[in-house]
Amino acid sequence: MKTDYSMPHVIFVVTVPETIPEWCPANEIFSDETCERTCDDPDTCISATSRTKSEQCVCVGDYLRQQEQCIPLNQCNCFVADKGGVLMEGHFYINSRCTRKSTCRNNRLVDESYQCSSHATCATKSGVRKCYCNTNYQGDGVTCTSLPKDCHELYVSGTRSDGVYTIYPDGWPSGIQVYCEMGSNGGGWTVFQRRSSAYVDFYRGWSDYKNGFGNKNHDHWLGNKYIHSMTNQKTYQLRIDLRDSGSSSKYAVYSTFRINNEADKYRLSVGSHSGNTGNDAMSHSNNKQFSTKDWDNDGWSSYDCAERHRGAWWFYSSYDCGREYSASQCRCYCHGNRDYCAYFPDGSDDCAICAHSHLNGDYDGSTRGTYMLWYSYSLNYYGCSLQYTDMKIRPV
């Protein structure tokens, strides 16, 4: 009997994925990764958009693509051995001592010497090592110039136009904006007060006078915290320009000007007086603390000078007239029957004087003693009808 061991006719079908290439070039492997890094952009995974399939040949390990080849990263044109990596076009690398700088330019590595300014420090900030200018200096680290601490330093550097500029007084590394008077009186003046209209209200509290208010191009008070910082970084002189309702212009200069910190309530210190105002109306406020309507430091217990005069100033307590004068004789008149500073404490026949100057009062105030004041015979109405004032400082 014959036995047939033949197999039935069976057909085996093997499906080969079209995504698998027959081979990958040197230094490449088949992968489902959809992006790879290149010598031109080693820090970014770039999608291979030129290939239509999701699986492809990509560079192995630390190899980077350069055109159609995958090469070791140290063969990329902008490879930096000290960094152990490749720079992108236009990027730079500074060595650990900040003595050499490598830059990728036109796909070529350019090495050059590098040195920090004497006013700079070699440091790494936000992942970038380079020379950084020290506090109060600006520049690229190789060249550092001093940041202007006041308008006079701007003037010395060549600035000649009046206007608002940024300065960097001690303690204010981000800078503050001030108005600089550059074209008159020798230039280089930093303005901290100006009055030219009733548009800005100067009857304000301690916080406003501390931080400043108004428009630097027009009427404003810079802020006691800034005035303190500025006047304690150098020795400054003070100039005050005044104009009254009769268009008479006068000025006063004080050889030195400084105010203490807030803990001492911005106590005033002024030097000797000169100018053509006649009377020295501000020295009476010397060594006095600043007062506002909500912080009374004038020394009087019976009333608040800032509140009564509707302003803020270095007010003081004084009996201006002796007891041999009657109360009616003791008053100081400006025009009509309005006195500039005389009040009478309870039980006293003497005049209580708050100030011989007060440039932060109401503009053209109509209430007794509330207007801007500079007590001087050389100004119309003893300076009680002032139409313009500004206060500014410059280093001695």
Protein backbone atom coordinates (compact mmCIF):
# COMPACT_ATOMS: atom_id res chain seq x y z
CA MET A 1 0.00 0.00 0.00
CA LYS A 2 1.39 3.32 -1.02
CA THR A 3 1.21 6.14 1.50
CA ASP A 4 1.15 9.79 0.30
CA TYR A 5 2.89 12.13 2.76
CA SER A 6 2.73 15.20 0.54
CA MET A 7 1.54 18.46 2.18
CA PRO A 8 -1.43 20.29 0.82
CA HIS A 9 -0.46 23.34 -1.24
CA VAL A 10 -0.04 26.15 1.30
CA ILE A 11 0.93 29.72 0.45
CA PHE A 12 2.68 31.86 3.17
CA VAL A 13 2.33 35.62 2.75
CA VAL A 14 4.82 37.89 4.59
CA THR A 15 4.02 41.61 4.79
CA VAL A 16 7.04 43.91 5.03
CA PRO A 17 6.28 47.40 6.41
CA GLU A 18 6.99 50.04 3.86
CA THR A 19 8.45 52.24 6.63
CA ILE A 20 11.48 50.02 7.14
CA PRO A 21 14.30 51.00 4.79
CA GLU A 22 16.69 48.41 3.52
CA TRP A 23 19.54 50.21 5.34
CA CYS A 24 20.50 53.41 7.22
CA PRO A 25 23.61 55.44 6.37
CA ALA A 26 26.64 55.45 8.64
CA ASN A 27 26.11 56.82 12.14
CA GLU A 28 22.31 56.60 11.77
CA ILE A 29 19.75 54.21 13.15
CA PHE A 30 16.18 53.42 12.27
CA SER A 31 13.88 55.09 14.80
CA ASP A 32 10.36 56.37 15.24
CA GLU A 33 11.76 59.69 16.51
CA THR A 34 10.41 62.52 14.39
CA CYS A 35 13.14 65.07 15.02
CA GLU A 36 16.87 65.34 15.46
CA ARG A 37 19.53 67.90 16.32
CA THR A 38 21.84 69.60 13.85
CA CYS A 39 25.20 71.33 13.92
CA ASP A 40 23.44 74.59 13.02
CA ASP A 41 20.97 74.28 15.91
CA PRO A 42 22.34 71.81 18.48
CA ASP A 43 20.01 72.95 21.26
CA THR A 44 16.74 72.37 19.41
CA CYS A 45 15.10 69.14 18.28
CA ILE A 46 14.16 69.95 14.69
CA SER A 47 11.43 68.01 12.88
CA ALA A 48 12.56 66.27 9.71
CA THR A 49 9.75 67.64 7.58
CA SER A 50 11.40 66.58 4.35
CA ARG A 51 10.56 62.94 5.12
CA THR A 52 7.00 61.85 4.73
CA LYS A 53 7.05 58.73 6.88
CA SER A 54 6.86 58.64 10.63
CA GLU A 55 9.82 56.31 10.94
CA GLN A 56 13.21 57.24 9.58
CA CYS A 57 16.94 57.10 9.97
CA VAL A 58 18.22 59.52 12.59
CA CYS A 59 21.66 60.34 13.98
CA VAL A 60 22.87 58.09 16.78
CA GLY A 61 24.00 59.23 20.25
CA ASP A 62 25.89 62.51 20.29
CA TYR A 63 26.07 62.72 16.52
CA LEU A 64 24.54 65.78 14.86
CA ARG A 65 23.25 66.19 11.36
CA GLN A 66 25.22 68.39 9.00
CA GLN A 67 23.52 68.51 5.63
CA GLU A 68 23.03 64.82 4.68
CA GLN A 69 25.52 63.34 7.10
CA CYS A 70 25.61 62.56 10.80
CA ILE A 71 28.94 63.55 12.33
CA PRO A 72 30.37 63.61 15.87
CA LEU A 73 29.55 66.90 17.56
CA ASN A 74 33.26 67.72 17.91
CA GLN A 75 33.45 67.80 14.11
CA CYS A 76 30.79 70.51 13.83
CA ASN A 77 32.33 73.78 12.69
CA CYS A 78 31.28 75.67 15.85
CA PHE A 79 32.25 73.03 18.40
CA VAL A 80 33.85 74.48 21.58
CA ALA A 81 36.08 72.00 23.40
CA ASP A 82 35.96 73.87 26.73
CA LYS A 83 32.16 73.86 26.59
CA GLY A 84 31.97 70.32 25.25
CA GLY A 85 29.21 71.43 22.91
CA VAL A 86 28.34 73.27 19.75
CA LEU A 87 27.37 76.94 19.47
CA MET A 88 24.44 78.14 17.43
CA GLU A 89 25.03 80.79 14.79
CA GLY A 90 25.61 84.14 16.46
CA HIS A 91 25.98 82.67 19.96
CA PHE A 92 29.09 83.01 22.10
CA TYR A 93 30.86 81.21 24.91
CA ILE A 94 33.13 82.76 27.55
CA ASN A 95 35.64 80.59 29.38
CA SER A 96 35.60 80.20 33.16
CA ARG A 97 38.09 83.03 33.76
CA CYS A 98 36.49 85.41 31.28
CA THR A 99 39.73 85.64 29.29
CA ARG A 100 38.62 84.02 25.99
CA LYS A 101 35.48 84.45 23.91
CA SER A 102 34.34 82.00 21.22
CA THR A 103 31.64 83.10 18.76
CA CYS A 104 29.93 81.18 15.95
CA ARG A 105 29.99 83.45 12.91
CA ASN A 106 29.00 82.31 9.44
CA ASN A 107 29.21 78.70 10.63
CA ARG A 108 32.80 79.20 11.72
CA LEU A 109 34.18 79.42 15.25
CA VAL A 110 35.95 82.70 15.99
CA ASP A 111 38.19 82.76 19.08
CA GLU A 112 39.43 86.03 20.55
CA SER A 113 40.84 87.43 23.76
CA TYR A 114 38.36 88.81 26.28
CA GLN A 115 38.85 91.00 29.35
CA CYS A 116 36.49 92.48 31.91
CA SER A 117 36.46 96.19 32.65
CA SER A 118 37.94 97.25 35.97
CA HIS A 119 34.34 98.11 36.88
CA ALA A 120 32.98 94.66 35.97
CA THR A 121 32.86 91.14 37.41
CA CYS A 122 33.13 87.75 35.69
CA ALA A 123 29.94 85.90 36.63
CA THR A 124 27.23 83.54 35.41
CA LYS A 125 23.72 84.97 35.38
CA SER A 126 20.67 83.19 33.96
CA GLY A 127 22.99 80.54 32.58
CA VAL A 128 25.21 83.01 30.70
CA ARG A 129 28.82 83.55 31.78
CA LYS A 130 30.36 86.89 30.83
CA CYS A 131 31.61 90.16 32.27
CA TYR A 132 28.88 92.12 34.03
CA CYS A 133 29.23 95.79 34.94
CA ASN A 134 29.18 96.49 38.66
CA THR A 135 26.45 98.44 40.45
CA ASN A 136 26.18 102.07 39.27
CA TYR A 137 27.84 101.21 35.95
CA GLN A 138 26.40 100.31 32.57
CA GLY A 139 27.85 98.66 29.47
CA ASP A 140 28.71 95.29 27.97
CA GLY A 141 31.13 94.30 30.73
CA VAL A 142 34.22 94.94 28.63
CA THR A 143 33.46 98.66 28.65
CA CYS A 144 31.58 100.06 31.66
CA THR A 145 30.63 103.69 32.16
CA SER A 146 29.33 105.25 35.33
CA LEU A 147 25.56 105.67 35.57
CA PRO A 148 24.69 109.34 36.11
CA LYS A 149 23.84 110.04 39.74
CA ASP A 150 22.40 113.46 38.98
CA CYS A 151 21.82 115.93 36.16
CA HIS A 152 25.27 117.44 36.62
CA GLU A 153 26.93 114.15 35.64
CA LEU A 154 24.75 114.09 32.52
CA TYR A 155 25.81 117.66 31.80
CA VAL A 156 29.50 116.79 32.17
CA SER A 157 29.03 113.87 29.75
CA GLY A 158 27.74 116.28 27.09
CA THR A 159 23.97 116.47 27.60
CA ARG A 160 22.79 120.04 27.01
CA SER A 161 19.01 119.91 26.48
CA ASP A 162 16.48 120.56 29.24
CA GLY A 163 14.13 117.66 29.87
CA VAL A 164 13.31 114.52 31.81
CA TYR A 165 16.18 112.03 32.19
CA THR A 166 16.86 108.87 34.18
CA ILE A 167 19.49 109.16 36.88
CA TYR A 168 20.79 106.58 39.36
CA PRO A 169 21.33 108.03 42.83
CA ASP A 170 22.84 105.83 45.53
CA GLY A 171 20.31 103.24 46.62
CA TRP A 172 18.25 103.35 43.40
CA PRO A 173 19.86 100.86 40.96
CA SER A 174 16.82 100.89 38.67
CA GLY A 175 17.03 104.65 38.36
CA ILE A 176 14.54 107.48 38.83
CA GLN A 177 13.26 110.11 36.42
CA VAL A 178 13.98 113.77 37.10
CA TYR A 179 13.78 117.05 35.23
CA CYS A 180 17.21 118.42 34.33
CA GLU A 181 17.79 122.11 33.72
CA MET A 182 20.75 122.18 31.35
CA GLY A 183 20.52 125.45 29.45
CA SER A 184 20.62 128.12 32.15
CA ASN A 185 22.46 129.09 35.32
CA GLY A 186 25.47 127.01 34.31
CA GLY A 187 23.45 123.84 33.61
CA GLY A 188 23.42 120.51 35.41
CA TRP A 189 20.59 121.32 37.85
CA THR A 190 18.33 118.56 39.18
CA VAL A 191 14.86 120.02 39.77
CA PHE A 192 12.89 118.64 42.71
CA GLN A 193 10.06 121.19 42.94
CA ARG A 194 8.20 123.39 40.48
CA ARG A 195 5.06 125.54 40.82
CA SER A 196 3.61 127.37 37.82
CA SER A 197 -0.16 126.91 38.12
CA ALA A 198 -2.92 125.64 40.39
CA TYR A 199 -3.28 122.45 38.33
CA VAL A 200 -1.41 120.20 40.80
CA ASP A 201 -2.67 120.10 44.39
CA PHE A 202 0.22 120.46 46.86
CA TYR A 203 -1.92 120.09 49.99
CA ARG A 204 -1.06 116.42 50.47
CA GLY A 205 -0.04 113.92 53.11
CA TRP A 206 3.24 112.36 54.18
CA SER A 207 3.16 109.44 51.72
CA ASP A 208 2.74 111.69 48.68
CA TYR A 209 5.57 113.97 49.75
CA LYS A 210 7.73 110.94 50.47
CA ASN A 211 7.15 109.26 47.09
CA GLY A 212 6.59 112.32 44.92
CA PHE A 213 3.72 113.54 42.76
CA GLY A 214 2.91 115.65 39.71
CA ASN A 215 4.40 115.75 36.23
CA LYS A 216 8.19 116.01 35.95
CA ASN A 217 7.81 118.25 32.88
CA HIS A 218 5.55 120.61 34.78
CA ASP A 219 4.51 121.11 38.40
CA HIS A 220 5.74 118.42 40.77
CA TRP A 221 7.47 117.39 43.98
CA LEU A 222 10.17 114.78 43.31
CA GLY A 223 9.79 112.90 46.59
CA ASN A 224 11.61 113.21 49.91
CA LYS A 225 13.01 109.69 49.74
CA TYR A 226 14.76 110.56 46.47
CA ILE A 227 15.86 114.01 47.63
CA HIS A 228 17.36 112.38 50.73
CA SER A 229 19.30 109.81 48.66
CA MET A 230 20.64 112.43 46.29
CA THR A 231 21.67 115.02 48.86
CA ASN A 232 23.54 112.44 50.93
CA GLN A 233 25.67 111.06 48.08
CA LYS A 234 27.52 114.34 47.44
CA THR A 235 27.61 117.90 48.73
CA TYR A 236 24.96 119.94 46.90
CA GLN A 237 24.02 123.59 46.65
CA LEU A 238 20.39 124.71 46.39
CA ARG A 239 19.01 127.31 43.99
CA ILE A 240 15.46 128.67 44.27
CA ASP A 241 13.96 130.75 41.46
CA LEU A 242 10.91 132.90 42.23
CA ARG A 243 8.56 135.13 40.24
CA ASP A 244 5.73 137.16 41.74
CA SER A 245 2.50 138.57 40.32
CA GLY A 246 4.34 141.72 39.27
CA SER A 247 6.70 139.62 37.09
CA SER A 248 9.60 140.36 39.38
CA SER A 249 12.06 137.46 39.20
CA LYS A 250 14.47 136.75 42.03
CA TYR A 251 16.68 133.89 43.10
CA ALA A 252 18.25 132.54 46.27
CA VAL A 253 21.25 130.23 46.48
CA TYR A 254 22.28 128.21 49.53
CA SER A 255 25.86 126.98 49.69
CA THR A 256 24.80 123.53 50.92
CA PHE A 257 21.52 121.62 51.04
CA ARG A 258 20.70 118.23 52.51
CA ILE A 259 17.80 116.42 54.15
CA ASN A 260 18.08 113.48 56.55
CA ASN A 261 16.24 110.17 56.27
CA GLU A 262 12.62 109.41 57.09
CA ALA A 263 13.52 108.21 60.59
CA ASP A 264 14.59 111.82 61.29
CA LYS A 265 11.52 113.11 59.43
CA TYR A 266 13.60 114.49 56.55
CA ARG A 267 15.25 117.15 58.72
CA LEU A 268 16.60 120.09 56.71
CA SER A 269 20.19 121.35 56.59
CA VAL A 270 21.05 124.47 54.56
CA GLY A 271 24.20 126.56 54.34
CA SER A 272 24.84 130.26 53.78
CA HIS A 273 22.54 132.40 51.63
CA SER A 274 23.28 134.50 48.56
CA GLY A 275 21.25 135.90 45.67
CA ASN A 276 18.94 138.87 45.16
CA THR A 277 15.86 137.97 47.20
CA GLY A 278 16.96 140.36 49.92
CA ASN A 279 15.83 138.38 52.93
CA ASP A 280 17.19 134.94 53.76
CA ALA A 281 13.80 133.34 54.22
CA MET A 282 14.83 129.69 54.38
CA SER A 283 17.55 129.59 57.01
CA HIS A 284 14.79 129.93 59.63
CA SER A 285 13.81 126.38 58.66
CA ASN A 286 17.34 125.06 59.09
CA ASN A 287 17.54 121.93 61.27
CA LYS A 288 13.73 121.62 61.26
CA GLN A 289 11.78 118.47 60.43
CA PHE A 290 9.35 118.15 57.54
CA SER A 291 5.63 118.43 58.33
CA THR A 292 2.51 117.47 56.39
CA LYS A 293 -1.17 117.72 57.22
CA ASP A 294 -1.17 114.14 58.55
CA TRP A 295 2.24 114.21 60.29
CA ASP A 296 2.87 117.29 62.41
CA ASN A 297 6.54 117.84 63.33
CA ASP A 298 6.60 121.63 63.70
CA GLY A 299 7.07 121.73 67.48
CA TRP A 300 3.79 123.49 68.22
CA SER A 301 1.31 121.68 70.43
CA SER A 302 -1.54 124.16 69.99
CA TYR A 303 -1.97 123.80 66.22
CA ASP A 304 -0.66 122.18 63.05
CA CYS A 305 1.30 124.52 60.77
CA ALA A 306 0.92 122.28 57.71
CA GLU A 307 -2.82 122.15 58.19
CA ARG A 308 -3.20 125.87 58.89
CA HIS A 309 -1.02 126.83 55.91
CA ARG A 310 -2.44 124.12 53.63
CA GLY A 311 0.87 122.70 52.50
CA ALA A 312 3.99 120.86 53.64
CA TRP A 313 7.33 122.33 54.65
CA TRP A 314 10.08 122.50 57.22
CA PHE A 315 7.86 124.46 59.59
CA TYR A 316 9.06 125.61 62.99
CA SER A 317 7.73 127.13 66.19
CA SER A 318 8.77 130.65 67.08
CA TYR A 319 7.46 133.80 68.74
CA ASP A 320 8.35 136.42 66.20
CA CYS A 321 7.33 139.55 68.12
CA GLY A 322 8.10 140.55 71.68
CA ARG A 323 5.44 141.08 74.30
CA GLU A 324 5.88 144.82 74.06
CA TYR A 325 3.83 144.69 70.84
CA SER A 326 0.10 144.21 70.83
CA ALA A 327 -1.43 141.34 68.91
CA SER A 328 -2.71 143.65 66.18
CA GLN A 329 0.74 145.22 65.71
CA CYS A 330 2.37 141.83 65.64
CA ARG A 331 0.70 140.61 62.47
CA CYS A 332 2.71 140.44 59.24
CA TYR A 333 0.69 141.61 56.25
CA CYS A 334 0.91 140.62 52.60
CA HIS A 335 -2.09 142.33 51.06
CA GLY A 336 -5.42 143.27 52.49
CA ASN A 337 -5.53 141.92 56.01
CA ARG A 338 -4.04 138.52 55.28
CA ASP A 339 -0.95 137.63 57.28
CA TYR A 340 1.65 135.23 55.99
CA CYS A 341 2.53 133.39 59.13
CA ALA A 342 1.08 134.89 62.30
CA TYR A 343 -1.06 132.81 64.62
CA PHE A 344 -1.64 133.31 68.29
CA PRO A 345 -1.42 130.42 70.77
CA ASP A 346 -4.07 130.46 73.45
CA GLY A 347 -3.21 132.80 76.30
CA SER A 348 -0.34 134.53 74.50
CA ASP A 349 -0.04 137.98 72.98
CA ASP A 350 2.99 136.91 70.91
CA CYS A 351 2.89 135.91 67.27
CA ALA A 352 3.33 132.22 66.55
CA ILE A 353 5.49 131.93 63.46
CA CYS A 354 5.49 128.77 61.33
CA ALA A 355 7.84 129.84 58.52
CA HIS A 356 9.41 132.74 56.65
CA SER A 357 9.20 130.59 53.51
CA HIS A 358 6.66 128.05 52.34
CA LEU A 359 6.73 127.19 48.64
CA ASN A 360 4.26 124.30 48.83
CA GLY A 361 1.22 126.33 49.90
CA ASP A 362 -1.91 126.87 47.84
CA TYR A 363 -1.26 128.43 44.45
CA ASP A 364 -2.80 131.93 44.70
CA GLY A 365 -4.49 130.88 47.95
CA SER A 366 -7.41 133.02 49.06
CA THR A 367 -7.42 131.99 52.72
CA ARG A 368 -5.20 133.80 55.21
CA GLY A 369 -1.71 132.30 55.33
CA THR A 370 -2.31 129.47 52.85
CA TYR A 371 -0.51 130.81 49.77
CA MET A 372 3.05 130.23 48.57
CA LEU A 373 5.43 132.40 50.55
CA TRP A 374 8.94 133.77 50.40
CA TYR A 375 9.24 136.58 52.91
CA SER A 376 11.27 139.26 51.16
CA TYR A 377 11.00 143.02 50.72
CA SER A 378 12.46 142.68 47.22
CA LEU A 379 9.42 140.72 46.03
CA ASN A 380 5.96 142.14 45.48
CA TYR A 381 3.75 141.87 48.58
CA TYR A 382 6.65 140.40 50.56
CA GLY A 383 6.60 137.38 48.24
CA CYS A 384 3.09 136.29 49.22
CA SER A 385 1.72 136.38 45.67
CA LEU A 386 4.22 134.11 43.97
CA GLN A 387 3.32 132.87 40.50
CA TYR A 388 6.33 130.65 39.86
CA THR A 389 8.85 128.76 41.96
CA ASP A 390 11.34 126.01 41.36
CA MET A 391 13.88 124.35 43.63
CA LYS A 392 16.92 122.54 42.23
CA ILE A 393 20.28 121.19 43.31
CA ARG A 394 23.74 120.84 41.81
CA PRO A 395 27.00 119.49 43.28
CA VAL A 396 29.24 122.07 44.88
